[in-house]
């Protein structure tokens, strides 16, 4: 993000947050922010936090605000509405594409890693710790390559062209030079 997108005051506010988190390894309290900037009200803190979140410098989760790192997503340029692109702010994260990220893991595949045709040129395979239901897809290994298998009756896992040695987790999707492929359960 460009500094020009922030007002001078917002830039100072963001710099304070970054410095505080870096030096103390904890998010500042509203009182600390109010005292540092000499605000008359905590409402000024809320307004600044919301503005920085709208511009993509912060994100808000269940536990409050956090600094948005460059790798935290893709900048949203705008919204297509009424035949034109209307300016919009924010970031598109992996969570927005894949859903709840708790229990989700990525397995990186190097260029030499063997994989079945379904995974193609995947660089990453996304797996969830959530147990797959009957008919659900799972990522499996036969010891030398990755594949996608299906959970059958009784919980047995079968794969068309591999002998299942280990189930790594429920299949969520994969990504490669072609983009992101999200698995949609049948």
Protein backbone atom coordinates (compact mmCIF):
# COMPACT_ATOMS: atom_id res chain seq x y z
CA UNK A 1 0.00 0.00 0.00
CA UNK A 2 1.11 3.49 -0.73
CA UNK A 3 1.62 6.01 2.05
CA UNK A 4 -0.37 8.51 -0.04
CA UNK A 5 -3.53 6.60 0.81
CA UNK A 6 -3.20 7.66 4.44
CA UNK A 7 -3.59 11.08 5.95
CA UNK A 8 -0.64 12.36 7.95
CA UNK A 9 -2.47 11.59 11.21
CA UNK A 10 -3.40 8.08 10.05
CA UNK A 11 0.21 7.42 9.08
CA UNK A 12 1.38 8.51 12.56
CA UNK A 13 -1.34 6.35 14.16
CA UNK A 14 -0.28 3.30 12.13
CA UNK A 15 3.41 3.92 12.88
CA UNK A 16 2.59 4.04 16.60
CA UNK A 17 0.69 0.74 16.42
CA UNK A 18 3.50 -0.98 14.51
CA UNK A 19 6.17 0.32 16.89
CA UNK A 20 4.15 -0.66 19.97
CA UNK A 21 3.51 -4.19 18.71
CA UNK A 22 7.14 -4.62 17.62
CA UNK A 23 8.70 -3.39 20.85
CA UNK A 24 6.20 -4.73 23.40
CA UNK A 25 4.80 -7.71 21.46
CA UNK A 26 1.26 -6.77 22.52
CA UNK A 27 -1.49 -4.58 21.08
CA UNK A 28 -1.79 -1.19 22.85
CA UNK A 29 -4.81 -0.50 25.03
CA UNK A 30 -7.23 2.28 24.15
CA UNK A 31 -5.94 4.19 27.18
CA UNK A 32 -2.33 3.95 25.96
CA UNK A 33 -3.35 5.25 22.52
CA UNK A 34 -5.47 8.06 23.98
CA UNK A 35 -2.59 9.13 26.24
CA UNK A 36 0.01 8.91 23.47
CA UNK A 37 -1.95 11.11 21.04
CA UNK A 38 -3.67 13.31 23.64
CA UNK A 39 -7.17 12.45 22.42
CA UNK A 40 -10.11 13.67 24.46
CA UNK A 41 -12.11 10.52 23.86
CA UNK A 42 -11.56 6.82 23.05
CA UNK A 43 -13.93 7.41 20.13
CA UNK A 44 -10.97 8.96 18.25
CA UNK A 45 -9.14 5.65 18.62
CA UNK A 46 -12.13 3.73 17.23
CA UNK A 47 -12.42 6.10 14.25
CA UNK A 48 -8.74 5.70 13.40
CA UNK A 49 -8.84 1.91 13.76
CA UNK A 50 -11.88 1.70 11.46
CA UNK A 51 -10.28 4.00 8.87
CA UNK A 52 -7.07 1.93 8.80
CA UNK A 53 -9.10 -1.27 8.50
CA UNK A 54 -11.11 0.18 5.58
CA UNK A 55 -7.87 1.06 3.83
CA UNK A 56 -6.46 -2.43 4.36
CA UNK A 57 -3.73 -1.65 6.91
CA UNK A 58 -5.52 -3.46 9.75
CA UNK A 59 -7.90 -6.37 9.89
CA UNK A 60 -10.44 -7.13 12.53
CA UNK A 61 -10.94 -10.63 13.82
CA UNK A 62 -12.66 -12.24 16.76
CA UNK A 63 -9.93 -10.99 19.08
CA UNK A 64 -9.95 -7.38 17.86
CA UNK A 65 -7.72 -5.51 15.44
CA UNK A 66 -4.35 -6.68 14.12
CA UNK A 67 -1.82 -5.32 11.68
CA UNK A 68 -2.37 -6.49 8.12
CA UNK A 69 0.84 -7.82 6.68
CA UNK A 70 1.48 -7.60 2.92
CA UNK A 71 0.85 -11.34 2.65
CA UNK A 72 -2.52 -11.09 4.41
CA UNK A 73 -4.40 -10.93 1.15
CA UNK A 74 -4.93 -9.07 -2.07
CA UNK A 75 -5.95 -5.42 -2.27
CA UNK A 76 -9.55 -5.01 -3.47
CA UNK A 77 -9.53 -2.41 -6.25
CA UNK A 78 -13.26 -1.97 -6.50
CA UNK A 79 -16.74 -3.42 -6.85
CA UNK A 80 -18.36 -3.97 -10.25
CA UNK A 81 -21.77 -2.33 -9.96
CA UNK A 82 -24.11 -0.90 -12.56
CA UNK A 83 -21.73 -1.45 -15.46
CA UNK A 84 -18.67 0.17 -13.90
CA UNK A 85 -16.09 -0.44 -11.21
CA UNK A 86 -16.82 1.58 -8.07
CA UNK A 87 -13.79 2.25 -5.86
CA UNK A 88 -13.66 0.06 -2.77
CA UNK A 89 -11.17 -0.56 -0.01
CA UNK A 90 -10.16 -3.70 1.78
CA UNK A 91 -8.28 -6.91 1.24
CA UNK A 92 -9.34 -10.30 -0.02
CA UNK A 93 -7.83 -13.02 2.13
CA UNK A 94 -7.42 -16.73 1.75
CA UNK A 95 -10.10 -17.09 4.42
CA UNK A 96 -12.59 -15.25 2.22
CA UNK A 97 -11.94 -17.80 -0.53
CA UNK A 98 -11.69 -20.99 1.51
CA UNK A 99 -13.89 -20.21 4.51
CA UNK A 100 -12.94 -20.82 8.12
CA UNK A 101 -9.15 -21.27 8.28
CA UNK A 102 -9.06 -22.87 11.73
CA UNK A 103 -7.73 -26.39 11.36
CA UNK A 104 -6.62 -25.70 7.77
CA UNK A 105 -3.08 -26.50 6.66
CA UNK A 106 -1.15 -26.20 3.42
CA UNK A 107 1.23 -28.81 2.11
CA UNK A 108 3.84 -27.34 -0.22
CA UNK A 109 4.88 -29.52 -3.14
CA UNK A 110 8.28 -28.99 -4.66
CA UNK A 111 8.69 -29.22 -8.42
CA UNK A 112 9.87 -32.82 -8.22
CA UNK A 113 7.03 -34.03 -5.97
CA UNK A 114 4.99 -36.78 -7.57
CA UNK A 115 1.25 -36.25 -7.67
CA UNK A 116 -1.69 -37.69 -9.50
CA UNK A 117 -3.42 -35.97 -12.42
CA UNK A 118 -6.16 -34.50 -10.20
CA UNK A 119 -3.56 -32.34 -8.45
CA UNK A 120 -1.92 -31.40 -11.76
CA UNK A 121 0.77 -28.74 -11.34
CA UNK A 122 -0.28 -27.89 -7.78
CA UNK A 123 2.27 -26.03 -5.68
CA UNK A 124 0.11 -26.23 -2.54
CA UNK A 125 -2.58 -28.61 -1.37
CA UNK A 126 -4.98 -27.42 1.36
CA UNK A 127 -6.14 -29.94 3.94
CA UNK A 128 -8.41 -29.63 6.94
CA UNK A 129 -8.25 -31.48 10.23
CA UNK A 130 -12.03 -31.86 10.02
CA UNK A 131 -13.01 -35.48 9.47
CA UNK A 132 -14.43 -36.18 6.02
CA UNK A 133 -17.87 -37.77 5.84
CA UNK A 134 -18.70 -40.76 3.68
CA UNK A 135 -18.14 -39.77 0.05
CA UNK A 136 -15.88 -36.89 1.11
CA UNK A 137 -12.51 -36.17 -0.44
CA UNK A 138 -9.25 -36.63 1.45
CA UNK A 139 -5.60 -36.04 0.58
CA UNK A 140 -3.65 -39.29 0.70
CA UNK A 141 -0.15 -40.52 0.04
CA UNK A 142 0.94 -43.89 -1.24
CA UNK A 143 4.38 -43.20 0.16
CA UNK A 144 5.85 -41.55 -2.91
CA UNK A 145 3.12 -39.26 -4.28
CA UNK A 146 0.02 -37.30 -3.29
CA UNK A 147 -3.46 -38.04 -4.49
CA UNK A 148 -7.09 -37.30 -3.69
CA UNK A 149 -9.10 -40.23 -2.38
CA UNK A 150 -12.69 -40.75 -1.25
CA UNK A 151 -14.06 -41.95 2.05
CA UNK A 152 -16.21 -45.02 1.56
CA UNK A 153 -18.69 -46.90 3.73
CA UNK A 154 -17.27 -47.72 7.14
CA UNK A 155 -14.63 -45.00 6.84
CA UNK A 156 -12.37 -46.88 4.43
CA UNK A 157 -10.48 -44.64 2.02
CA UNK A 158 -10.03 -45.57 -1.61
CA UNK A 159 -8.07 -43.94 -4.40
CA UNK A 160 -8.36 -44.77 -8.12
CA UNK A 161 -4.66 -44.99 -8.92
CA UNK A 162 -2.83 -45.23 -5.62
CA UNK A 163 -2.60 -47.57 -2.69
CA UNK A 164 -3.47 -45.46 0.36
CA UNK A 165 -0.67 -45.44 2.90
CA UNK A 166 -1.58 -42.33 4.89
CA UNK A 167 -4.53 -39.91 5.03
CA UNK A 168 -3.21 -36.36 5.51
CA UNK A 169 -6.59 -34.66 6.01
CA UNK A 170 -9.80 -33.62 4.31
CA UNK A 171 -9.21 -32.12 0.86
CA UNK A 172 -10.10 -28.40 0.70
CA UNK A 173 -8.39 -27.41 -2.55
CA UNK A 174 -5.08 -26.71 -4.20
CA UNK A 175 -3.19 -23.85 -5.84
CA UNK A 176 -0.63 -23.59 -8.59
CA UNK A 177 0.39 -21.41 -11.53
CA UNK A 178 -3.21 -21.52 -12.80
CA UNK A 179 -4.65 -20.09 -9.56
CA UNK A 180 -6.71 -21.50 -6.73
CA UNK A 181 -8.97 -24.55 -7.05
CA UNK A 182 -11.50 -24.85 -4.25
CA UNK A 183 -13.05 -28.24 -3.63
CA UNK A 184 -16.82 -28.09 -3.38
CA UNK A 185 -18.20 -31.23 -1.70
CA UNK A 186 -20.83 -33.10 -3.69
